[in-house]
Amino acid sequence: MKQNMGAADRILRIILAVVFAWLYFSGMVTGITGIILVVLGGVFVLTSFIGFCPLYAVFGMNTCSRKANSK
């Protein structure tokens, strides 16, 4: 897999995952909506660590810098 996520995108996803987890575990968002946010946050963390987003690949997007993308 070729990385298609830049540093800013990865950091933003980590921050969103933390916010989603905080909303769920603090009880502000519960039920199905809370579970969906936690799962989405998990996907964000996973894609941030590997640097590859399958949806970006489908739509031909790439937020990775040229230098890092050439590896």
PDB file of N, CA and C in Angstrom:
ATOM      1  N   MET A   1       0.828  -1.178   0.000  1.00  0.00           N
ATOM      2  CA  MET A   1       0.000   0.000   0.000  1.00  0.00           C
ATOM      3  C   MET A   1       0.878   1.250   0.000  1.00  0.00           C
ATOM      4  N   LYS A   2       0.591   2.136  -0.882  1.00  0.00           N
ATOM      5  CA  LYS A   2       1.293   3.400  -0.973  1.00  0.00           C
ATOM      6  C   LYS A   2       0.569   4.403  -0.078  1.00  0.00           C
ATOM      7  N   GLN A   3       1.310   5.143   0.725  1.00  0.00           N
ATOM      8  CA  GLN A   3       0.683   6.128   1.597  1.00  0.00           C
ATOM      9  C   GLN A   3      -0.004   7.200   0.777  1.00  0.00           C
ATOM     10  N   ASN A   4      -1.211   7.573   1.218  1.00  0.00           N
ATOM     11  CA  ASN A   4      -1.933   8.627   0.527  1.00  0.00           C
ATOM     12  C   ASN A   4      -2.476   9.690   1.493  1.00  0.00           C
ATOM     13  N   MET A   5      -1.930   9.710   2.711  1.00  0.00           N
ATOM     14  CA  MET A   5      -2.363  10.683   3.712  1.00  0.00           C
ATOM     15  C   MET A   5      -1.167  11.499   4.189  1.00  0.00           C
ATOM     16  N   GLY A   6      -1.331  12.807   4.202  1.00  0.00           N
ATOM     17  CA  GLY A   6      -0.293  13.690   4.694  1.00  0.00           C
ATOM     18  C   GLY A   6      -0.332  13.819   6.208  1.00  0.00           C
ATOM     19  N   ALA A   7       0.660  14.497   6.757  1.00  0.00           N
ATOM     20  CA  ALA A   7       0.785  14.641   8.205  1.00  0.00           C
ATOM     21  C   ALA A   7      -0.399  15.400   8.811  1.00  0.00           C
ATOM     22  N   ALA A   8      -0.818  16.462   8.169  1.00  0.00           N
ATOM     23  CA  ALA A   8      -1.940  17.250   8.702  1.00  0.00           C
ATOM     24  C   ALA A   8      -3.217  16.415   8.742  1.00  0.00           C
ATOM     25  N   ASP A   9      -3.447  15.643   7.727  1.00  0.00           N
ATOM     26  CA  ASP A   9      -4.622  14.777   7.661  1.00  0.00           C
ATOM     27  C   ASP A   9      -4.582  13.721   8.769  1.00  0.00           C
ATOM     28  N   ARG A  10      -3.416  13.164   8.985  1.00  0.00           N
ATOM     29  CA  ARG A  10      -3.270  12.132  10.013  1.00  0.00           C
ATOM     30  C   ARG A  10      -3.491  12.706  11.411  1.00  0.00           C
ATOM     31  N   ILE A  11      -2.946  13.898  11.664  1.00  0.00           N
ATOM     32  CA  ILE A  11      -3.117  14.537  12.968  1.00  0.00           C
ATOM     33  C   ILE A  11      -4.583  14.889  13.204  1.00  0.00           C
ATOM     34  N   LEU A  12      -5.239  15.411  12.185  1.00  0.00           N
ATOM     35  CA  LEU A  12      -6.657  15.754  12.306  1.00  0.00           C
ATOM     36  C   LEU A  12      -7.502  14.524  12.634  1.00  0.00           C
ATOM     37  N   ARG A  13      -7.200  13.408  12.004  1.00  0.00           N
ATOM     38  CA  ARG A  13      -7.940  12.175  12.278  1.00  0.00           C
ATOM     39  C   ARG A  13      -7.734  11.692  13.709  1.00  0.00           C
ATOM     40  N   ILE A  14      -6.515  11.804  14.219  1.00  0.00           N
ATOM     41  CA  ILE A  14      -6.238  11.411  15.608  1.00  0.00           C
ATOM     42  C   ILE A  14      -7.021  12.298  16.571  1.00  0.00           C
ATOM     43  N   ILE A  15      -7.025  13.604  16.304  1.00  0.00           N
ATOM     44  CA  ILE A  15      -7.766  14.536  17.170  1.00  0.00           C
ATOM     45  C   ILE A  15      -9.250  14.212  17.149  1.00  0.00           C
ATOM     46  N   LEU A  16      -9.805  13.960  15.962  1.00  0.00           N
ATOM     47  CA  LEU A  16     -11.226  13.610  15.869  1.00  0.00           C
ATOM     48  C   LEU A  16     -11.527  12.308  16.612  1.00  0.00           C
ATOM     49  N   ALA A  17     -10.636  11.338  16.526  1.00  0.00           N
ATOM     50  CA  ALA A  17     -10.840  10.074  17.226  1.00  0.00           C
ATOM     51  C   ALA A  17     -10.869  10.293  18.733  1.00  0.00           C
ATOM     52  N   VAL A  18      -9.992  11.137  19.241  1.00  0.00           N
ATOM     53  CA  VAL A  18      -9.972  11.438  20.672  1.00  0.00           C
ATOM     54  C   VAL A  18     -11.266  12.143  21.083  1.00  0.00           C
ATOM     55  N   VAL A  19     -11.718  13.079  20.263  1.00  0.00           N
ATOM     56  CA  VAL A  19     -12.972  13.792  20.565  1.00  0.00           C
ATOM     57  C   VAL A  19     -14.147  12.820  20.562  1.00  0.00           C
ATOM     58  N   PHE A  20     -14.213  11.933  19.576  1.00  0.00           N
ATOM     59  CA  PHE A  20     -15.294  10.953  19.514  1.00  0.00           C
ATOM     60  C   PHE A  20     -15.293  10.051  20.743  1.00  0.00           C
ATOM     61  N   ALA A  21     -14.111   9.594  21.142  1.00  0.00           N
ATOM     62  CA  ALA A  21     -14.004   8.735  22.325  1.00  0.00           C
ATOM     63  C   ALA A  21     -14.432   9.497  23.574  1.00  0.00           C
ATOM     64  N   TRP A  22     -14.008  10.739  23.695  1.00  0.00           N
ATOM     65  CA  TRP A  22     -14.383  11.542  24.860  1.00  0.00           C
ATOM     66  C   TRP A  22     -15.905  11.752  24.915  1.00  0.00           C
ATOM     67  N   LEU A  23     -16.515  12.043  23.773  1.00  0.00           N
ATOM     68  CA  LEU A  23     -17.973  12.234  23.739  1.00  0.00           C
ATOM     69  C   LEU A  23     -18.701  10.973  24.186  1.00  0.00           C
ATOM     70  N   TYR A  24     -18.206   9.825  23.745  1.00  0.00           N
ATOM     71  CA  TYR A  24     -18.864   8.568  24.088  1.00  0.00           C
ATOM     72  C   TYR A  24     -18.640   8.199  25.551  1.00  0.00           C
ATOM     73  N   PHE A  25     -17.391   8.218  25.998  1.00  0.00           N
ATOM     74  CA  PHE A  25     -17.084   7.754  27.350  1.00  0.00           C
ATOM     75  C   PHE A  25     -17.474   8.747  28.438  1.00  0.00           C
ATOM     76  N   SER A  26     -17.725   9.990  28.078  1.00  0.00           N
ATOM     77  CA  SER A  26     -18.235  10.945  29.059  1.00  0.00           C
ATOM     78  C   SER A  26     -19.757  10.892  29.151  1.00  0.00           C
ATOM     79  N   GLY A  27     -20.384  10.138  28.266  1.00  0.00           N
ATOM     80  CA  GLY A  27     -21.833   9.983  28.304  1.00  0.00           C
ATOM     81  C   GLY A  27     -22.593  11.063  27.551  1.00  0.00           C
ATOM     82  N   MET A  28     -21.897  11.923  26.841  1.00  0.00           N
ATOM     83  CA  MET A  28     -22.577  12.988  26.103  1.00  0.00           C
ATOM     84  C   MET A  28     -23.295  12.440  24.874  1.00  0.00           C
ATOM     85  N   VAL A  29     -22.735  11.403  24.264  1.00  0.00           N
ATOM     86  CA  VAL A  29     -23.356  10.748  23.118  1.00  0.00           C
ATOM     87  C   VAL A  29     -23.484   9.275  23.479  1.00  0.00           C
ATOM     88  N   THR A  30     -24.703   8.753  23.407  1.00  0.00           N
ATOM     89  CA  THR A  30     -24.927   7.366  23.810  1.00  0.00           C
ATOM     90  C   THR A  30     -25.667   6.615  22.709  1.00  0.00           C
ATOM     91  N   GLY A  31     -25.891   5.348  22.964  1.00  0.00           N
ATOM     92  CA  GLY A  31     -26.655   4.525  22.036  1.00  0.00           C
ATOM     93  C   GLY A  31     -25.913   4.240  20.750  1.00  0.00           C
ATOM     94  N   ILE A  32     -26.700   4.042  19.703  1.00  0.00           N
ATOM     95  CA  ILE A  32     -26.150   3.691  18.393  1.00  0.00           C
ATOM     96  C   ILE A  32     -25.228   4.786  17.874  1.00  0.00           C
ATOM     97  N   THR A  33     -25.605   6.039  18.065  1.00  0.00           N
ATOM     98  CA  THR A  33     -24.776   7.148  17.599  1.00  0.00           C
ATOM     99  C   THR A  33     -23.404   7.119  18.262  1.00  0.00           C
ATOM    100  N   GLY A  34     -23.364   6.857  19.553  1.00  0.00           N
ATOM    101  CA  GLY A  34     -22.102   6.773  20.265  1.00  0.00           C
ATOM    102  C   GLY A  34     -21.240   5.628  19.778  1.00  0.00           C
ATOM    103  N   ILE A  35     -21.854   4.480  19.541  1.00  0.00           N
ATOM    104  CA  ILE A  35     -21.107   3.324  19.052  1.00  0.00           C
ATOM    105  C   ILE A  35     -20.545   3.603  17.659  1.00  0.00           C
ATOM    106  N   ILE A  36     -21.340   4.238  16.816  1.00  0.00           N
ATOM    107  CA  ILE A  36     -20.867   4.582  15.472  1.00  0.00           C
ATOM    108  C   ILE A  36     -19.674   5.538  15.555  1.00  0.00           C
ATOM    109  N   LEU A  37     -19.731   6.512  16.461  1.00  0.00           N
ATOM    110  CA  LEU A  37     -18.614   7.454  16.610  1.00  0.00           C
ATOM    111  C   LEU A  37     -17.356   6.745  17.099  1.00  0.00           C
ATOM    112  N   VAL A  38     -17.497   5.803  18.029  1.00  0.00           N
ATOM    113  CA  VAL A  38     -16.333   5.074  18.534  1.00  0.00           C
ATOM    114  C   VAL A  38     -15.723   4.219  17.430  1.00  0.00           C
ATOM    115  N   VAL A  39     -16.547   3.544  16.648  1.00  0.00           N
ATOM    116  CA  VAL A  39     -16.039   2.727  15.544  1.00  0.00           C
ATOM    117  C   VAL A  39     -15.355   3.614  14.505  1.00  0.00           C
ATOM    118  N   LEU A  40     -15.975   4.722  14.170  1.00  0.00           N
ATOM    119  CA  LEU A  40     -15.380   5.662  13.218  1.00  0.00           C
ATOM    120  C   LEU A  40     -14.049   6.199  13.739  1.00  0.00           C
ATOM    121  N   GLY A  41     -13.994   6.500  15.030  1.00  0.00           N
ATOM    122  CA  GLY A  41     -12.743   6.940  15.639  1.00  0.00           C
ATOM    123  C   GLY A  41     -11.666   5.870  15.556  1.00  0.00           C
ATOM    124  N   GLY A  42     -12.048   4.609  15.743  1.00  0.00           N
ATOM    125  CA  GLY A  42     -11.094   3.513  15.604  1.00  0.00           C
ATOM    126  C   GLY A  42     -10.556   3.405  14.191  1.00  0.00           C
ATOM    127  N   VAL A  43     -11.432   3.585  13.218  1.00  0.00           N
ATOM    128  CA  VAL A  43     -11.000   3.562  11.814  1.00  0.00           C
ATOM    129  C   VAL A  43     -10.054   4.727  11.546  1.00  0.00           C
ATOM    130  N   PHE A  44     -10.358   5.901  12.100  1.00  0.00           N
ATOM    131  CA  PHE A  44      -9.485   7.058  11.933  1.00  0.00           C
ATOM    132  C   PHE A  44      -8.095   6.795  12.507  1.00  0.00           C
ATOM    133  N   VAL A  45      -8.037   6.194  13.687  1.00  0.00           N
ATOM    134  CA  VAL A  45      -6.741   5.894  14.305  1.00  0.00           C
ATOM    135  C   VAL A  45      -5.971   4.886  13.461  1.00  0.00           C
ATOM    136  N   LEU A  46      -6.651   3.839  13.020  1.00  0.00           N
ATOM    137  CA  LEU A  46      -5.983   2.808  12.211  1.00  0.00           C
ATOM    138  C   LEU A  46      -5.434   3.389  10.912  1.00  0.00           C
ATOM    139  N   THR A  47      -6.244   4.149  10.205  1.00  0.00           N
ATOM    140  CA  THR A  47      -5.774   4.718   8.938  1.00  0.00           C
ATOM    141  C   THR A  47      -4.676   5.753   9.164  1.00  0.00           C
ATOM    142  N   SER A  48      -4.703   6.447  10.295  1.00  0.00           N
ATOM    143  CA  SER A  48      -3.644   7.410  10.600  1.00  0.00           C
ATOM    144  C   SER A  48      -2.314   6.703  10.830  1.00  0.00           C
ATOM    145  N   PHE A  49      -2.339   5.581  11.527  1.00  0.00           N
ATOM    146  CA  PHE A  49      -1.097   4.865  11.804  1.00  0.00           C
ATOM    147  C   PHE A  49      -0.486   4.244  10.552  1.00  0.00           C
ATOM    148  N   ILE A  50      -1.324   3.742   9.652  1.00  0.00           N
ATOM    149  CA  ILE A  50      -0.764   3.127   8.447  1.00  0.00           C
ATOM    150  C   ILE A  50      -0.577   4.134   7.316  1.00  0.00           C
ATOM    151  N   GLY A  51      -1.220   5.309   7.425  1.00  0.00           N
ATOM    152  CA  GLY A  51      -1.033   6.362   6.423  1.00  0.00           C
ATOM    153  C   GLY A  51      -1.760   6.113   5.115  1.00  0.00           C
ATOM    154  N   PHE A  52      -2.712   5.212   5.128  1.00  0.00           N
ATOM    155  CA  PHE A  52      -3.443   4.877   3.904  1.00  0.00           C
ATOM    156  C   PHE A  52      -4.938   4.904   4.179  1.00  0.00           C
ATOM    157  N   CYS A  53      -5.684   5.601   3.339  1.00  0.00           N
ATOM    158  CA  CYS A  53      -7.136   5.657   3.442  1.00  0.00           C
ATOM    159  C   CYS A  53      -7.734   5.013   2.194  1.00  0.00           C
ATOM    160  N   PRO A  54      -8.479   3.923   2.348  1.00  0.00           N
ATOM    161  CA  PRO A  54      -9.073   3.265   1.186  1.00  0.00           C
ATOM    162  C   PRO A  54     -10.017   4.171   0.394  1.00  0.00           C
ATOM    163  N   LEU A  55     -10.746   5.046   1.060  1.00  0.00           N
ATOM    164  CA  LEU A  55     -11.648   5.948   0.341  1.00  0.00           C
ATOM    165  C   LEU A  55     -10.870   6.947  -0.512  1.00  0.00           C
ATOM    166  N   TYR A  56      -9.720   7.378  -0.023  1.00  0.00           N
ATOM    167  CA  TYR A  56      -8.881   8.259  -0.836  1.00  0.00           C
ATOM    168  C   TYR A  56      -8.449   7.541  -2.108  1.00  0.00           C
ATOM    169  N   ALA A  57      -8.114   6.267  -1.975  1.00  0.00           N
ATOM    170  CA  ALA A  57      -7.683   5.489  -3.143  1.00  0.00           C
ATOM    171  C   ALA A  57      -8.821   5.360  -4.157  1.00  0.00           C
ATOM    172  N   VAL A  58     -10.033   5.117  -3.672  1.00  0.00           N
ATOM    173  CA  VAL A  58     -11.186   4.972  -4.560  1.00  0.00           C
ATOM    174  C   VAL A  58     -11.443   6.254  -5.341  1.00  0.00           C
ATOM    175  N   PHE A  59     -11.335   7.397  -4.654  1.00  0.00           N
ATOM    176  CA  PHE A  59     -11.619   8.676  -5.293  1.00  0.00           C
ATOM    177  C   PHE A  59     -10.384   9.335  -5.903  1.00  0.00           C
ATOM    178  N   GLY A  60      -9.243   8.678  -5.824  1.00  0.00           N
ATOM    179  CA  GLY A  60      -8.028   9.199  -6.426  1.00  0.00           C
ATOM    180  C   GLY A  60      -7.433  10.389  -5.690  1.00  0.00           C
ATOM    181  N   MET A  61      -7.710  10.505  -4.410  1.00  0.00           N
ATOM    182  CA  MET A  61      -7.194  11.626  -3.620  1.00  0.00           C
ATOM    183  C   MET A  61      -5.839  11.265  -3.027  1.00  0.00           C
ATOM    184  N   ASN A  62      -5.040  12.285  -2.735  1.00  0.00           N
ATOM    185  CA  ASN A  62      -3.746  12.085  -2.119  1.00  0.00           C
ATOM    186  C   ASN A  62      -3.366  13.364  -1.395  1.00  0.00           C
ATOM    187  N   THR A  63      -3.245  13.315  -0.068  1.00  0.00           N
ATOM    188  CA  THR A  63      -2.847  14.486   0.706  1.00  0.00           C
ATOM    189  C   THR A  63      -1.402  14.377   1.157  1.00  0.00           C
ATOM    190  N   CYS A  64      -0.723  13.344   0.714  1.00  0.00           N
ATOM    191  CA  CYS A  64       0.675  13.104   1.066  1.00  0.00           C
ATOM    192  C   CYS A  64       1.564  14.023   0.231  1.00  0.00           C
ATOM    193  N   SER A  65       2.636  14.504   0.843  1.00  0.00           N
ATOM    194  CA  SER A  65       3.556  15.361   0.091  1.00  0.00           C
ATOM    195  C   SER A  65       4.282  14.548  -0.968  1.00  0.00           C
ATOM    196  N   ARG A  66       4.764  15.194  -1.987  1.00  0.00           N
ATOM    197  CA  ARG A  66       5.453  14.496  -3.096  1.00  0.00           C
ATOM    198  C   ARG A  66       6.692  13.755  -2.612  1.00  0.00           C
ATOM    199  N   LYS A  67       7.451  14.350  -1.709  1.00  0.00           N
ATOM    200  CA  LYS A  67       8.677  13.737  -1.229  1.00  0.00           C
ATOM    201  C   LYS A  67       8.383  12.428  -0.508  1.00  0.00           C
ATOM    202  N   ALA A  68       7.406  12.422   0.392  1.00  0.00           N
ATOM    203  CA  ALA A  68       7.054  11.220   1.144  1.00  0.00           C
ATOM    204  C   ALA A  68       6.335  10.218   0.259  1.00  0.00           C
ATOM    205  N   ASN A  69       5.643  10.708  -0.754  1.00  0.00           N
ATOM    206  CA  ASN A  69       4.867   9.837  -1.643  1.00  0.00           C
ATOM    207  C   ASN A  69       5.756   9.034  -2.585  1.00  0.00           C
ATOM    208  N   SER A  70       6.962   9.499  -2.831  1.00  0.00           N
ATOM    209  CA  SER A  70       7.839   8.831  -3.788  1.00  0.00           C
ATOM    210  C   SER A  70       8.547   7.624  -3.205  1.00  0.00           C
ATOM    211  N   LYS A  71       8.414   7.357  -1.919  1.00  0.00           N
ATOM    212  CA  LYS A  71       9.073   6.210  -1.276  1.00  0.00           C
ATOM    213  C   LYS A  71       8.502   4.901  -1.740  1.00  0.00           C
TER     214      LYS A  71
END
